[in-house]
Amino acid sequence: MMSETSIGDTVDFGFSTVLRAEKSARVRDVFDSVARRYDIMNDLMSLGVHRLWKREFVTALGPRPNLRLLDLAGGTGDISFQWRKRGGGPVLLSDINGSMLSVGRARAENHGLVEGISWLVTDAEALPLPDGVVDRVSMAFGLRNCTNKERVLAEARRVLKPGGRFFCLEFSKLQIAVAAPLYENWSFKALPEIGALVAKDRESYQYLAESIRMFPDQETLAAMMRGAGFARVSFRNLSGGIAAIHAGWRL
């Protein structure tokens, strides 16, 4: 798997290279386009397996009433809702994309999950929060879309209380070589076609597939977390490494 790289004022946008200053707007356009069908598409893209991954992720977070969660790139609310349903404390659900949060808020209202959740449109690279105010920071399938991943990790550590933990659920490097051709065909042939048929948006889903391939592999992301100051960094592969949960402590 290739790692995302940046040279000077440029950065990867899928397999393309764009100006660093343009990437956030480009990513925002992608998620504006897919917001209303994002949850349906997640089921189709992963054949429903993303629900199992997220369940494992929330279990790792360890919800408790006395813990406050910051859900970065929380989108339509899956992690925040599970956290609250499983006894977690207050949540600050944040995303750079207002369209995604609007869908999440509507879902919360429809399912009676508004209580205990606050909403914040913000860039994960520059959080408008004081130091040391949350017990957990989660980020599920959002880090690969950020322009400066090191800055996001540094911000996540900054807002954690001492003894707090950061958890990242993200697509990673497949560890089963025999399955690689099937996975490649699914990602680069089936996925854009599904996007065209269901969401009427082939290009956005082509980008999503490319962004997965450009994301750092398991060991590289673990090293980035250590570089941001996290201690006792670990990761656990899911579905043979298609996705992975990374965790680190602020000590």
Protein backbone atom coordinates (compact mmCIF):
# COMPACT_ATOMS: atom_id res chain seq x y z
CA MET A 1 0.00 0.00 0.00
CA MET A 2 1.24 3.48 -0.80
CA SER A 3 1.42 6.06 1.97
CA GLU A 4 -0.02 9.51 1.45
CA THR A 5 2.79 11.94 0.75
CA SER A 6 2.97 15.68 0.34
CA ILE A 7 5.58 17.77 -1.41
CA GLY A 8 5.68 21.47 -0.62
CA ASP A 9 2.26 22.95 -1.30
CA THR A 10 0.75 19.83 -2.89
CA VAL A 11 -0.91 16.77 -1.37
CA ASP A 12 -2.56 13.60 -2.61
CA PHE A 13 -6.27 13.60 -3.41
CA GLY A 14 -6.85 9.95 -4.17
CA PHE A 15 -4.42 9.12 -6.96
CA SER A 16 -4.29 12.77 -8.07
CA THR A 17 -2.19 15.62 -6.69
CA VAL A 18 -3.83 18.90 -5.70
CA LEU A 19 -2.75 22.09 -3.96
CA ARG A 20 -2.70 21.60 -0.20
CA ALA A 21 -5.07 24.55 0.24
CA GLU A 22 -7.61 22.92 -2.10
CA LYS A 23 -7.91 19.47 -0.54
CA SER A 24 -10.34 20.31 2.28
CA ALA A 25 -12.74 21.94 -0.16
CA ARG A 26 -12.45 19.00 -2.56
CA VAL A 27 -13.17 16.51 0.22
CA ARG A 28 -16.09 18.65 1.42
CA ASP A 29 -17.56 18.54 -2.08
CA VAL A 30 -17.31 14.74 -2.11
CA PHE A 31 -19.20 14.40 1.15
CA ASP A 32 -21.74 17.06 0.24
CA SER A 33 -22.49 14.87 -2.77
CA VAL A 34 -22.77 11.56 -0.91
CA ALA A 35 -24.26 12.73 2.44
CA ARG A 36 -27.89 11.71 1.89
CA ARG A 37 -27.02 8.23 0.69
CA TYR A 38 -23.90 7.77 2.76
CA ASP A 39 -25.34 5.17 5.14
CA ILE A 40 -26.90 3.10 2.37
CA MET A 41 -23.67 3.23 0.42
CA ASN A 42 -21.66 2.12 3.45
CA ASP A 43 -23.80 -1.02 3.63
CA LEU A 44 -23.35 -1.70 -0.07
CA MET A 45 -19.62 -0.91 -0.11
CA SER A 46 -18.79 -3.20 2.80
CA LEU A 47 -21.63 -5.72 2.39
CA GLY A 48 -22.75 -4.61 5.85
CA VAL A 49 -19.45 -5.51 7.52
CA HIS A 50 -18.80 -1.87 8.52
CA ARG A 51 -21.50 -2.32 11.18
CA LEU A 52 -19.50 -5.13 12.80
CA TRP A 53 -16.31 -3.07 12.61
CA LYS A 54 -18.01 -0.11 14.29
CA ARG A 55 -19.44 -2.36 16.99
CA GLU A 56 -15.92 -3.60 17.74
CA PHE A 57 -14.67 -0.03 17.69
CA VAL A 58 -17.20 1.21 20.24
CA THR A 59 -16.43 -1.78 22.47
CA ALA A 60 -12.77 -0.75 22.35
CA LEU A 61 -13.75 2.82 23.33
CA GLY A 62 -15.20 1.43 26.58
CA PRO A 63 -18.32 3.59 27.03
CA ARG A 64 -19.01 4.68 30.61
CA PRO A 65 -21.30 7.43 31.97
CA ASN A 66 -18.40 9.40 33.45
CA LEU A 67 -16.43 9.56 30.18
CA ARG A 68 -16.80 12.36 27.64
CA LEU A 69 -16.24 11.52 23.96
CA LEU A 70 -15.10 13.75 21.12
CA ASP A 71 -16.17 12.03 17.89
CA LEU A 72 -14.00 13.50 15.11
CA ALA A 73 -15.26 13.28 11.53
CA GLY A 74 -18.36 11.80 13.14
CA GLY A 75 -20.46 12.34 10.03
CA THR A 76 -23.92 10.82 10.29
CA GLY A 77 -23.42 9.73 13.89
CA ASP A 78 -22.90 5.96 13.96
CA ILE A 79 -20.15 6.00 16.59
CA SER A 80 -21.75 8.68 18.76
CA PHE A 81 -25.10 6.93 18.76
CA GLN A 82 -23.63 3.58 19.73
CA TRP A 83 -21.55 5.23 22.44
CA ARG A 84 -24.67 6.76 23.99
CA LYS A 85 -26.78 3.62 23.60
CA ARG A 86 -24.11 1.61 25.40
CA GLY A 87 -23.95 3.89 28.41
CA GLY A 88 -21.31 6.42 27.38
CA GLY A 89 -21.30 9.96 28.72
CA PRO A 90 -21.74 13.23 26.79
CA VAL A 91 -20.60 13.35 23.16
CA LEU A 92 -19.31 16.20 21.05
CA LEU A 93 -20.06 15.03 17.50
CA SER A 94 -17.90 17.00 15.08
CA ASP A 95 -17.30 17.05 11.35
CA ILE A 96 -15.91 19.52 8.82
CA ASN A 97 -18.94 18.84 6.64
CA GLY A 98 -22.21 20.45 7.68
CA SER A 99 -24.23 18.31 5.28
CA MET A 100 -23.09 15.12 6.99
CA LEU A 101 -23.90 16.52 10.44
CA SER A 102 -27.35 17.58 9.22
CA VAL A 103 -28.08 14.00 8.22
CA GLY A 104 -26.75 12.82 11.59
CA ARG A 105 -28.90 15.29 13.53
CA ALA A 106 -32.00 14.19 11.62
CA ARG A 107 -31.19 10.56 12.43
CA ALA A 108 -30.76 11.44 16.10
CA GLU A 109 -34.11 13.21 16.18
CA ASN A 110 -35.87 10.33 14.43
CA HIS A 111 -34.50 7.78 16.92
CA GLY A 112 -34.74 9.86 20.10
CA LEU A 113 -30.97 10.12 20.52
CA VAL A 114 -30.50 13.89 20.75
CA GLU A 115 -29.96 14.03 24.51
CA GLY A 116 -26.32 14.06 25.52
CA ILE A 117 -25.02 14.90 22.04
CA SER A 118 -23.63 18.29 21.00
CA TRP A 119 -22.82 19.16 17.38
CA LEU A 120 -19.84 21.05 16.03
CA VAL A 121 -18.83 21.90 12.46
CA THR A 122 -15.05 22.15 12.63
CA ASP A 123 -11.80 21.11 11.02
CA ALA A 124 -10.10 18.31 12.97
CA GLU A 125 -6.76 20.01 12.23
CA ALA A 126 -7.69 23.05 14.36
CA LEU A 127 -10.15 22.16 17.11
CA PRO A 128 -11.77 25.13 18.91
CA LEU A 129 -11.42 23.38 22.28
CA PRO A 130 -9.18 23.92 25.31
CA ASP A 131 -6.45 21.46 26.25
CA GLY A 132 -7.38 18.35 28.22
CA VAL A 133 -11.18 18.43 28.14
CA VAL A 134 -12.26 14.96 26.90
CA ASP A 135 -11.64 11.38 28.00
CA ARG A 136 -11.86 9.69 24.62
CA VAL A 137 -11.32 10.84 21.04
CA SER A 138 -12.67 8.65 18.26
CA MET A 139 -12.20 8.91 14.51
CA ALA A 140 -13.87 6.35 12.26
CA PHE A 141 -13.13 6.40 8.53
CA GLY A 142 -12.23 10.08 8.57
CA LEU A 143 -8.48 10.42 9.02
CA ARG A 144 -7.66 9.41 5.44
CA ASN A 145 -9.61 12.43 4.15
CA CYS A 146 -7.65 14.96 6.22
CA THR A 147 -4.98 17.09 4.58
CA ASN A 148 -2.50 17.12 7.48
CA LYS A 149 -2.89 13.87 9.39
CA GLU A 150 -0.03 14.66 11.79
CA ARG A 151 -1.80 17.85 12.85
CA VAL A 152 -5.06 15.95 13.42
CA LEU A 153 -3.25 13.46 15.64
CA ALA A 154 -1.57 16.27 17.56
CA GLU A 155 -4.91 18.02 18.10
CA ALA A 156 -6.52 14.78 19.27
CA ARG A 157 -3.79 14.35 21.86
CA ARG A 158 -3.98 18.00 22.94
CA VAL A 159 -7.68 17.90 23.84
CA LEU A 160 -7.41 14.61 25.74
CA LYS A 161 -7.12 14.61 29.51
CA PRO A 162 -4.03 12.88 30.93
CA GLY A 163 -4.95 9.20 30.93
CA GLY A 164 -7.30 9.71 28.00
CA ARG A 165 -7.23 7.58 24.86
CA PHE A 166 -7.45 8.12 21.12
CA PHE A 167 -8.98 5.46 18.85
CA CYS A 168 -8.93 5.40 15.06
CA LEU A 169 -10.92 3.00 12.87
CA GLU A 170 -9.74 3.18 9.29
CA PHE A 171 -9.23 1.12 6.16
CA SER A 172 -5.76 -0.37 6.13
CA LYS A 173 -3.53 -2.86 4.32
CA LEU A 174 -5.01 -6.26 3.49
CA GLN A 175 -2.91 -9.01 5.07
CA ILE A 176 -4.28 -11.93 3.01
CA ALA A 177 -2.40 -11.97 -0.30
CA VAL A 178 -4.69 -14.49 -1.99
CA ALA A 179 -7.66 -12.14 -1.50
CA ALA A 180 -5.92 -9.09 -2.99
CA PRO A 181 -7.17 -9.47 -6.61
CA LEU A 182 -10.79 -9.80 -5.50
CA TYR A 183 -10.44 -6.82 -3.18
CA GLU A 184 -8.88 -4.71 -5.94
CA ASN A 185 -11.68 -5.57 -8.38
CA TRP A 186 -14.30 -4.75 -5.78
CA SER A 187 -12.68 -1.42 -4.91
CA PHE A 188 -11.88 -0.10 -8.37
CA LYS A 189 -14.51 -1.73 -10.58
CA ALA A 190 -17.58 -2.57 -8.49
CA LEU A 191 -17.50 0.34 -6.06
CA PRO A 192 -17.56 3.17 -8.63
CA GLU A 193 -20.32 1.34 -10.53
CA ILE A 194 -22.39 1.02 -7.36
CA GLY A 195 -21.82 4.71 -6.69
CA ALA A 196 -23.03 5.56 -10.18
CA LEU A 197 -26.15 3.42 -9.85
CA VAL A 198 -27.20 4.15 -6.27
CA ALA A 199 -25.81 7.60 -5.52
CA LYS A 200 -25.58 8.87 -9.13
CA ASP A 201 -21.99 9.80 -8.37
CA ARG A 202 -19.22 7.65 -9.81
CA GLU A 203 -16.44 10.19 -9.24
CA SER A 204 -16.91 10.52 -5.47
CA TYR A 205 -16.77 6.77 -4.97
CA GLN A 206 -13.76 6.50 -7.24
CA TYR A 207 -12.05 8.99 -4.93
CA LEU A 208 -13.10 7.03 -1.84
CA ALA A 209 -11.56 3.85 -3.25
CA GLU A 210 -8.35 5.69 -4.18
CA SER A 211 -8.13 7.38 -0.77
CA ILE A 212 -8.11 3.95 0.89
CA ARG A 213 -5.11 2.87 -1.17
CA MET A 214 -3.21 6.07 -0.42
CA PHE A 215 -3.71 5.83 3.35
CA PRO A 216 -0.73 4.79 5.52
CA ASP A 217 -0.55 1.09 6.42
CA GLN A 218 -0.84 -0.23 9.97
CA GLU A 219 2.77 0.19 11.06
CA THR A 220 3.11 3.61 9.42
CA LEU A 221 0.01 4.98 11.16
CA ALA A 222 1.22 3.57 14.49
CA ALA A 223 4.54 5.38 13.99
CA MET A 224 2.69 8.61 13.17
CA MET A 225 0.72 8.31 16.40
CA ARG A 226 3.91 7.85 18.39
CA GLY A 227 5.35 10.87 16.61
CA ALA A 228 2.33 12.90 17.77
CA GLY A 229 3.12 11.99 21.37
CA PHE A 230 0.80 9.05 21.99
CA ALA A 231 2.07 6.30 24.27
CA ARG A 232 1.40 2.55 24.32
CA VAL A 233 0.23 2.65 20.71
CA SER A 234 -1.34 -0.55 19.41
CA PHE A 235 -3.45 -1.73 16.52
CA ARG A 236 -5.77 -4.64 15.76
CA ASN A 237 -6.65 -5.84 12.27
CA LEU A 238 -10.25 -6.44 11.27
CA SER A 239 -11.32 -8.70 8.39
CA GLY A 240 -7.76 -9.61 7.51
CA GLY A 241 -6.51 -6.05 7.60
CA ILE A 242 -9.14 -4.48 5.33
CA ALA A 243 -9.67 -2.22 8.33
CA ALA A 244 -7.80 -1.73 11.59
CA ILE A 245 -8.37 -0.17 14.99
CA HIS A 246 -5.43 1.90 16.26
CA ALA A 247 -5.27 3.09 19.87
CA GLY A 248 -2.97 5.31 21.89
CA TRP A 249 -2.83 6.91 25.33
CA ARG A 250 -2.14 10.44 26.42
CA LEU A 251 0.01 9.91 29.51
